[in-house]
Amino acid sequence: AYLAGFQWGLEQGYDVLVEMDADGSHRPEE
C-alpha cells in the first residue's frame, strides 16, 4: 500500500511523503 502511494505521490510532484497509521496511534498533531 505504501509503495503504491509513494509511486502516485512522486508522479504528482509532491516534495514530502509521510507515512501515518489510520487508527490514530500516530498523532496528527505531532
PDB file of all heavy atoms in Angstrom:
ATOM      1  N   ALA A   1       0.834  -1.206   0.000  1.00  0.00           N
ATOM      2  CA  ALA A   1       0.000   0.000   0.000  1.00  0.00           C
ATOM      3  C   ALA A   1       0.867   1.255   0.000  1.00  0.00           C
ATOM      4  O   ALA A   1       0.601   2.215  -0.738  1.00  0.00           O
ATOM      5  CB  ALA A   1      -0.926  -0.008   1.214  1.00  0.00           C
ATOM      6  N   TYR A   2       1.906   1.263   0.818  1.00  0.00           N
ATOM      7  CA  TYR A   2       2.791   2.426   0.851  1.00  0.00           C
ATOM      8  C   TYR A   2       3.539   2.597  -0.468  1.00  0.00           C
ATOM      9  O   TYR A   2       3.702   3.724  -0.962  1.00  0.00           O
ATOM     10  CB  TYR A   2       3.781   2.317   2.003  1.00  0.00           C
ATOM     11  CG  TYR A   2       3.251   2.862   3.304  1.00  0.00           C
ATOM     12  CD1 TYR A   2       3.318   2.107   4.468  1.00  0.00           C
ATOM     13  CD2 TYR A   2       2.675   4.125   3.370  1.00  0.00           C
ATOM     14  CE1 TYR A   2       2.833   2.601   5.672  1.00  0.00           C
ATOM     15  CE2 TYR A   2       2.184   4.627   4.563  1.00  0.00           C
ATOM     16  CZ  TYR A   2       2.272   3.860   5.712  1.00  0.00           C
ATOM     17  OH  TYR A   2       1.780   4.367   6.898  1.00  0.00           O
ATOM     18  N   LEU A   3       4.001   1.511  -1.053  1.00  0.00           N
ATOM     19  CA  LEU A   3       4.719   1.616  -2.325  1.00  0.00           C
ATOM     20  C   LEU A   3       3.819   2.196  -3.413  1.00  0.00           C
ATOM     21  O   LEU A   3       4.249   3.030  -4.216  1.00  0.00           O
ATOM     22  CB  LEU A   3       5.248   0.241  -2.742  1.00  0.00           C
ATOM     23  CG  LEU A   3       6.405  -0.307  -1.907  1.00  0.00           C
ATOM     24  CD1 LEU A   3       6.744  -1.733  -2.318  1.00  0.00           C
ATOM     25  CD2 LEU A   3       7.644   0.582  -2.032  1.00  0.00           C
ATOM     26  N   ALA A   4       2.553   1.767  -3.445  1.00  0.00           N
ATOM     27  CA  ALA A   4       1.608   2.325  -4.419  1.00  0.00           C
ATOM     28  C   ALA A   4       1.373   3.803  -4.146  1.00  0.00           C
ATOM     29  O   ALA A   4       1.304   4.621  -5.070  1.00  0.00           O
ATOM     30  CB  ALA A   4       0.292   1.550  -4.370  1.00  0.00           C
ATOM     31  N   GLY A   5       1.256   4.155  -2.875  1.00  0.00           N
ATOM     32  CA  GLY A   5       1.066   5.557  -2.512  1.00  0.00           C
ATOM     33  C   GLY A   5       2.275   6.409  -2.847  1.00  0.00           C
ATOM     34  O   GLY A   5       2.143   7.537  -3.346  1.00  0.00           O
ATOM     35  N   PHE A   6       3.473   5.881  -2.587  1.00  0.00           N
ATOM     36  CA  PHE A   6       4.696   6.603  -2.934  1.00  0.00           C
ATOM     37  C   PHE A   6       4.755   6.871  -4.437  1.00  0.00           C
ATOM     38  O   PHE A   6       5.079   7.978  -4.873  1.00  0.00           O
ATOM     39  CB  PHE A   6       5.928   5.784  -2.538  1.00  0.00           C
ATOM     40  CG  PHE A   6       6.173   5.690  -1.059  1.00  0.00           C
ATOM     41  CD1 PHE A   6       6.921   4.627  -0.543  1.00  0.00           C
ATOM     42  CD2 PHE A   6       5.687   6.631  -0.176  1.00  0.00           C
ATOM     43  CE1 PHE A   6       7.170   4.517   0.807  1.00  0.00           C
ATOM     44  CE2 PHE A   6       5.916   6.532   1.192  1.00  0.00           C
ATOM     45  CZ  PHE A   6       6.669   5.470   1.680  1.00  0.00           C
ATOM     46  N   GLN A   7       4.452   5.843  -5.217  1.00  0.00           N
ATOM     47  CA  GLN A   7       4.518   5.991  -6.673  1.00  0.00           C
ATOM     48  C   GLN A   7       3.578   7.091  -7.156  1.00  0.00           C
ATOM     49  O   GLN A   7       3.965   7.954  -7.952  1.00  0.00           O
ATOM     50  CB  GLN A   7       4.173   4.669  -7.364  1.00  0.00           C
ATOM     51  CG  GLN A   7       4.225   4.753  -8.880  1.00  0.00           C
ATOM     52  CD  GLN A   7       3.887   3.429  -9.554  1.00  0.00           C
ATOM     53  OE1 GLN A   7       3.738   2.398  -8.897  1.00  0.00           O
ATOM     54  NE2 GLN A   7       3.771   3.441 -10.881  1.00  0.00           N
ATOM     55  N   TRP A   8       2.349   7.078  -6.640  1.00  0.00           N
ATOM     56  CA  TRP A   8       1.389   8.100  -7.053  1.00  0.00           C
ATOM     57  C   TRP A   8       1.846   9.488  -6.607  1.00  0.00           C
ATOM     58  O   TRP A   8       1.803  10.449  -7.384  1.00  0.00           O
ATOM     59  CB  TRP A   8       0.007   7.796  -6.483  1.00  0.00           C
ATOM     60  CG  TRP A   8      -1.040   8.758  -6.957  1.00  0.00           C
ATOM     61  CD1 TRP A   8      -1.710   8.728  -8.155  1.00  0.00           C
ATOM     62  CD2 TRP A   8      -1.522   9.915  -6.272  1.00  0.00           C
ATOM     63  NE1 TRP A   8      -2.579   9.787  -8.241  1.00  0.00           N
ATOM     64  CE2 TRP A   8      -2.487  10.532  -7.099  1.00  0.00           C
ATOM     65  CE3 TRP A   8      -1.245  10.478  -5.028  1.00  0.00           C
ATOM     66  CZ2 TRP A   8      -3.174  11.688  -6.724  1.00  0.00           C
ATOM     67  CZ3 TRP A   8      -1.920  11.630  -4.658  1.00  0.00           C
ATOM     68  CH2 TRP A   8      -2.869  12.225  -5.497  1.00  0.00           C
ATOM     69  N   GLY A   9       2.295   9.598  -5.382  1.00  0.00           N
ATOM     70  CA  GLY A   9       2.718  10.890  -4.872  1.00  0.00           C
ATOM     71  C   GLY A   9       3.904  11.462  -5.626  1.00  0.00           C
ATOM     72  O   GLY A   9       3.952  12.672  -5.912  1.00  0.00           O
ATOM     73  N   LEU A  10       4.853  10.609  -5.971  1.00  0.00           N
ATOM     74  CA  LEU A  10       6.011  11.075  -6.736  1.00  0.00           C
ATOM     75  C   LEU A  10       5.590  11.512  -8.135  1.00  0.00           C
ATOM     76  O   LEU A  10       6.092  12.514  -8.665  1.00  0.00           O
ATOM     77  CB  LEU A  10       7.068   9.969  -6.803  1.00  0.00           C
ATOM     78  CG  LEU A  10       7.750   9.610  -5.467  1.00  0.00           C
ATOM     79  CD1 LEU A  10       8.614   8.370  -5.630  1.00  0.00           C
ATOM     80  CD2 LEU A  10       8.587  10.781  -4.955  1.00  0.00           C
ATOM     81  N   GLU A  11       4.676  10.765  -8.746  1.00  0.00           N
ATOM     82  CA  GLU A  11       4.195  11.135 -10.082  1.00  0.00           C
ATOM     83  C   GLU A  11       3.481  12.487 -10.063  1.00  0.00           C
ATOM     84  O   GLU A  11       3.526  13.232 -11.047  1.00  0.00           O
ATOM     85  CB  GLU A  11       3.245  10.055 -10.609  1.00  0.00           C
ATOM     86  CG  GLU A  11       3.943   8.754 -10.973  1.00  0.00           C
ATOM     87  CD  GLU A  11       2.957   7.661 -11.332  1.00  0.00           C
ATOM     88  OE1 GLU A  11       1.729   7.878 -11.131  1.00  0.00           O
ATOM     89  OE2 GLU A  11       3.394   6.584 -11.798  1.00  0.00           O
ATOM     90  N   GLN A  12       2.832  12.809  -8.951  1.00  0.00           N
ATOM     91  CA  GLN A  12       2.079  14.064  -8.841  1.00  0.00           C
ATOM     92  C   GLN A  12       2.955  15.234  -8.403  1.00  0.00           C
ATOM     93  O   GLN A  12       2.462  16.358  -8.303  1.00  0.00           O
ATOM     94  CB  GLN A  12       0.914  13.900  -7.863  1.00  0.00           C
ATOM     95  CG  GLN A  12      -0.062  12.793  -8.226  1.00  0.00           C
ATOM     96  CD  GLN A  12      -0.595  12.911  -9.642  1.00  0.00           C
ATOM     97  OE1 GLN A  12      -0.972  13.995 -10.069  1.00  0.00           O
ATOM     98  NE2 GLN A  12      -0.586  11.818 -10.388  1.00  0.00           N
ATOM     99  N   GLY A  13       4.219  14.994  -8.159  1.00  0.00           N
ATOM    100  CA  GLY A  13       5.143  16.085  -7.855  1.00  0.00           C
ATOM    101  C   GLY A  13       5.172  16.565  -6.423  1.00  0.00           C
ATOM    102  O   GLY A  13       5.621  17.686  -6.156  1.00  0.00           O
ATOM    103  N   TYR A  14       4.727  15.742  -5.462  1.00  0.00           N
ATOM    104  CA  TYR A  14       4.832  16.139  -4.064  1.00  0.00           C
ATOM    105  C   TYR A  14       6.299  16.132  -3.639  1.00  0.00           C
ATOM    106  O   TYR A  14       7.101  15.318  -4.100  1.00  0.00           O
ATOM    107  CB  TYR A  14       4.013  15.215  -3.170  1.00  0.00           C
ATOM    108  CG  TYR A  14       2.523  15.437  -3.297  1.00  0.00           C
ATOM    109  CD1 TYR A  14       1.748  14.663  -4.157  1.00  0.00           C
ATOM    110  CD2 TYR A  14       1.898  16.444  -2.573  1.00  0.00           C
ATOM    111  CE1 TYR A  14       0.389  14.875  -4.285  1.00  0.00           C
ATOM    112  CE2 TYR A  14       0.532  16.670  -2.690  1.00  0.00           C
ATOM    113  CZ  TYR A  14      -0.211  15.883  -3.548  1.00  0.00           C
ATOM    114  OH  TYR A  14      -1.566  16.105  -3.687  1.00  0.00           O
ATOM    115  N   ASP A  15       6.637  17.039  -2.734  1.00  0.00           N
ATOM    116  CA  ASP A  15       8.017  17.171  -2.249  1.00  0.00           C
ATOM    117  C   ASP A  15       8.291  16.324  -1.023  1.00  0.00           C
ATOM    118  O   ASP A  15       9.429  15.928  -0.768  1.00  0.00           O
ATOM    119  CB  ASP A  15       8.308  18.631  -1.907  1.00  0.00           C
ATOM    120  CG  ASP A  15       8.102  19.540  -3.097  1.00  0.00           C
ATOM    121  OD1 ASP A  15       8.917  19.482  -4.025  1.00  0.00           O
ATOM    122  OD2 ASP A  15       7.116  20.308  -3.102  1.00  0.00           O
ATOM    123  N   VAL A  16       7.253  16.071  -0.235  1.00  0.00           N
ATOM    124  CA  VAL A  16       7.375  15.306   1.006  1.00  0.00           C
ATOM    125  C   VAL A  16       6.268  14.269   1.053  1.00  0.00           C
ATOM    126  O   VAL A  16       5.098  14.582   0.776  1.00  0.00           O
ATOM    127  CB  VAL A  16       7.271  16.228   2.245  1.00  0.00           C
ATOM    128  CG1 VAL A  16       7.244  15.416   3.534  1.00  0.00           C
ATOM    129  CG2 VAL A  16       8.413  17.238   2.258  1.00  0.00           C
ATOM    130  N   LEU A  17       6.632  13.034   1.403  1.00  0.00           N
ATOM    131  CA  LEU A  17       5.646  11.965   1.534  1.00  0.00           C
ATOM    132  C   LEU A  17       5.751  11.384   2.936  1.00  0.00           C
ATOM    133  O   LEU A  17       6.841  11.041   3.395  1.00  0.00           O
ATOM    134  CB  LEU A  17       5.874  10.884   0.468  1.00  0.00           C
ATOM    135  CG  LEU A  17       5.639  11.389  -0.974  1.00  0.00           C
ATOM    136  CD1 LEU A  17       6.962  11.835  -1.589  1.00  0.00           C
ATOM    137  CD2 LEU A  17       4.997  10.321  -1.841  1.00  0.00           C
ATOM    138  N   VAL A  18       4.603  11.287   3.598  1.00  0.00           N
ATOM    139  CA  VAL A  18       4.546  10.901   5.005  1.00  0.00           C
ATOM    140  C   VAL A  18       3.807   9.584   5.156  1.00  0.00           C
ATOM    141  O   VAL A  18       2.762   9.373   4.530  1.00  0.00           O
ATOM    142  CB  VAL A  18       3.841  11.984   5.838  1.00  0.00           C
ATOM    143  CG1 VAL A  18       3.706  11.555   7.308  1.00  0.00           C
ATOM    144  CG2 VAL A  18       4.580  13.319   5.733  1.00  0.00           C
ATOM    145  N   GLU A  19       4.331   8.707   6.000  1.00  0.00           N
ATOM    146  CA  GLU A  19       3.623   7.501   6.402  1.00  0.00           C
ATOM    147  C   GLU A  19       2.887   7.773   7.711  1.00  0.00           C
ATOM    148  O   GLU A  19       3.474   8.312   8.652  1.00  0.00           O
ATOM    149  CB  GLU A  19       4.597   6.348   6.639  1.00  0.00           C
ATOM    150  CG  GLU A  19       5.384   5.892   5.433  1.00  0.00           C
ATOM    151  CD  GLU A  19       6.317   4.747   5.780  1.00  0.00           C
ATOM    152  OE1 GLU A  19       6.348   4.324   6.967  1.00  0.00           O
ATOM    153  OE2 GLU A  19       7.025   4.288   4.883  1.00  0.00           O
ATOM    154  N   MET A  20       1.627   7.373   7.778  1.00  0.00           N
ATOM    155  CA  MET A  20       0.852   7.547   9.008  1.00  0.00           C
ATOM    156  C   MET A  20      -0.185   6.444   9.115  1.00  0.00           C
ATOM    157  O   MET A  20      -0.834   6.096   8.127  1.00  0.00           O
ATOM    158  CB  MET A  20       0.156   8.913   9.028  1.00  0.00           C
ATOM    159  CG  MET A  20      -0.684   9.175  10.276  1.00  0.00           C
ATOM    160  SD  MET A  20      -1.582  10.763  10.202  1.00  0.00           S
ATOM    161  CE  MET A  20      -0.214  11.910  10.362  1.00  0.00           C
ATOM    162  N   ASP A  21      -0.348   5.887  10.317  1.00  0.00           N
ATOM    163  CA  ASP A  21      -1.354   4.860  10.544  1.00  0.00           C
ATOM    164  C   ASP A  21      -2.756   5.459  10.541  1.00  0.00           C
ATOM    165  O   ASP A  21      -2.947   6.639  10.869  1.00  0.00           O
ATOM    166  CB  ASP A  21      -1.116   4.163  11.881  1.00  0.00           C
ATOM    167  CG  ASP A  21       0.035   3.164  11.811  1.00  0.00           C
ATOM    168  OD1 ASP A  21       0.575   2.952  10.710  1.00  0.00           O
ATOM    169  OD2 ASP A  21       0.394   2.608  12.873  1.00  0.00           O
ATOM    170  N   ALA A  22      -3.745   4.624  10.231  1.00  0.00           N
ATOM    171  CA  ALA A  22      -5.130   5.079  10.139  1.00  0.00           C
ATOM    172  C   ALA A  22      -5.879   5.007  11.459  1.00  0.00           C
ATOM    173  O   ALA A  22      -7.008   5.491  11.552  1.00  0.00           O
ATOM    174  CB  ALA A  22      -5.874   4.238   9.102  1.00  0.00           C
ATOM    175  N   ASP A  23      -5.283   4.399  12.482  1.00  0.00           N
ATOM    176  CA  ASP A  23      -6.029   4.128  13.714  1.00  0.00           C
ATOM    177  C   ASP A  23      -5.854   5.187  14.792  1.00  0.00           C
ATOM    178  O   ASP A  23      -6.364   5.032  15.907  1.00  0.00           O
ATOM    179  CB  ASP A  23      -5.636   2.757  14.267  1.00  0.00           C
ATOM    180  CG  ASP A  23      -4.147   2.655  14.585  1.00  0.00           C
ATOM    181  OD1 ASP A  23      -3.441   3.684  14.511  1.00  0.00           O
ATOM    182  OD2 ASP A  23      -3.684   1.537  14.909  1.00  0.00           O
ATOM    183  N   GLY A  24      -5.121   6.268  14.488  1.00  0.00           N
ATOM    184  CA  GLY A  24      -4.915   7.322  15.465  1.00  0.00           C
ATOM    185  C   GLY A  24      -3.726   7.123  16.368  1.00  0.00           C
ATOM    186  O   GLY A  24      -3.439   7.978  17.211  1.00  0.00           O
ATOM    187  N   SER A  25      -3.023   6.007  16.218  1.00  0.00           N
ATOM    188  CA  SER A  25      -1.853   5.760  17.071  1.00  0.00           C
ATOM    189  C   SER A  25      -0.716   6.742  16.773  1.00  0.00           C
ATOM    190  O   SER A  25       0.067   7.084  17.661  1.00  0.00           O
ATOM    191  CB  SER A  25      -1.366   4.317  16.908  1.00  0.00           C
ATOM    192  OG  SER A  25      -1.061   4.037  15.560  1.00  0.00           O
ATOM    193  N   HIS A  26      -0.629   7.176  15.520  1.00  0.00           N
ATOM    194  CA  HIS A  26       0.293   8.249  15.147  1.00  0.00           C
ATOM    195  C   HIS A  26      -0.472   9.561  15.230  1.00  0.00           C
ATOM    196  O   HIS A  26      -1.335   9.829  14.397  1.00  0.00           O
ATOM    197  CB  HIS A  26       0.837   8.039  13.728  1.00  0.00           C
ATOM    198  CG  HIS A  26       1.641   6.797  13.576  1.00  0.00           C
ATOM    199  ND1 HIS A  26       1.737   6.114  12.387  1.00  0.00           N
ATOM    200  CD2 HIS A  26       2.392   6.106  14.468  1.00  0.00           C
ATOM    201  CE1 HIS A  26       2.517   5.063  12.545  1.00  0.00           C
ATOM    202  NE2 HIS A  26       2.926   5.038  13.805  1.00  0.00           N
ATOM    203  N   ARG A  27      -0.178  10.355  16.206  1.00  0.00           N
ATOM    204  CA  ARG A  27      -0.975  11.563  16.444  1.00  0.00           C
ATOM    205  C   ARG A  27      -0.693  12.618  15.369  1.00  0.00           C
ATOM    206  O   ARG A  27       0.440  13.097  15.237  1.00  0.00           O
ATOM    207  CB  ARG A  27      -0.674  12.129  17.831  1.00  0.00           C
ATOM    208  CG  ARG A  27      -1.023  11.168  18.965  1.00  0.00           C
ATOM    209  CD  ARG A  27      -1.097  11.875  20.298  1.00  0.00           C
ATOM    210  NE  ARG A  27       0.178  12.515  20.624  1.00  0.00           N
ATOM    211  CZ  ARG A  27       0.367  13.323  21.654  1.00  0.00           C
ATOM    212  NH1 ARG A  27      -0.659  13.612  22.460  1.00  0.00           N
ATOM    213  NH2 ARG A  27       1.540  13.850  21.885  1.00  0.00           N
ATOM    214  N   PRO A  28      -1.706  13.004  14.604  1.00  0.00           N
ATOM    215  CA  PRO A  28      -1.504  14.020  13.562  1.00  0.00           C
ATOM    216  C   PRO A  28      -0.990  15.341  14.111  1.00  0.00           C
ATOM    217  O   PRO A  28      -0.291  16.077  13.413  1.00  0.00           O
ATOM    218  CB  PRO A  28      -2.902  14.180  12.958  1.00  0.00           C
ATOM    219  CG  PRO A  28      -3.598  12.890  13.234  1.00  0.00           C
ATOM    220  CD  PRO A  28      -3.094  12.458  14.582  1.00  0.00           C
ATOM    221  N   GLU A  29      -1.298  15.628  15.359  1.00  0.00           N
ATOM    222  CA  GLU A  29      -0.866  16.883  15.968  1.00  0.00           C
ATOM    223  C   GLU A  29       0.655  16.976  16.090  1.00  0.00           C
ATOM    224  O   GLU A  29       1.195  18.070  16.278  1.00  0.00           O
ATOM    225  CB  GLU A  29      -1.502  17.045  17.352  1.00  0.00           C
ATOM    226  CG  GLU A  29      -3.005  17.208  17.336  1.00  0.00           C
ATOM    227  CD  GLU A  29      -3.767  15.890  17.150  1.00  0.00           C
ATOM    228  OE1 GLU A  29      -3.126  14.801  17.238  1.00  0.00           O
ATOM    229  OE2 GLU A  29      -4.993  15.934  16.909  1.00  0.00           O
ATOM    230  N   GLU A  30       1.339  15.851  15.972  1.00  0.00           N
ATOM    231  CA  GLU A  30       2.793  15.854  16.062  1.00  0.00           C
ATOM    232  C   GLU A  30       3.481  15.962  14.699  1.00  0.00           C
ATOM    233  O   GLU A  30       4.705  16.106  14.633  1.00  0.00           O
ATOM    234  CB  GLU A  30       3.284  14.591  16.786  1.00  0.00           C
ATOM    235  CG  GLU A  30       2.844  14.549  18.236  1.00  0.00           C
ATOM    236  CD  GLU A  30       3.424  13.374  19.001  1.00  0.00           C
ATOM    237  OE1 GLU A  30       3.236  12.232  18.537  1.00  0.00           O
ATOM    238  OE2 GLU A  30       4.037  13.592  20.048  1.00  0.00           O
TER     239      GLU A  30
END
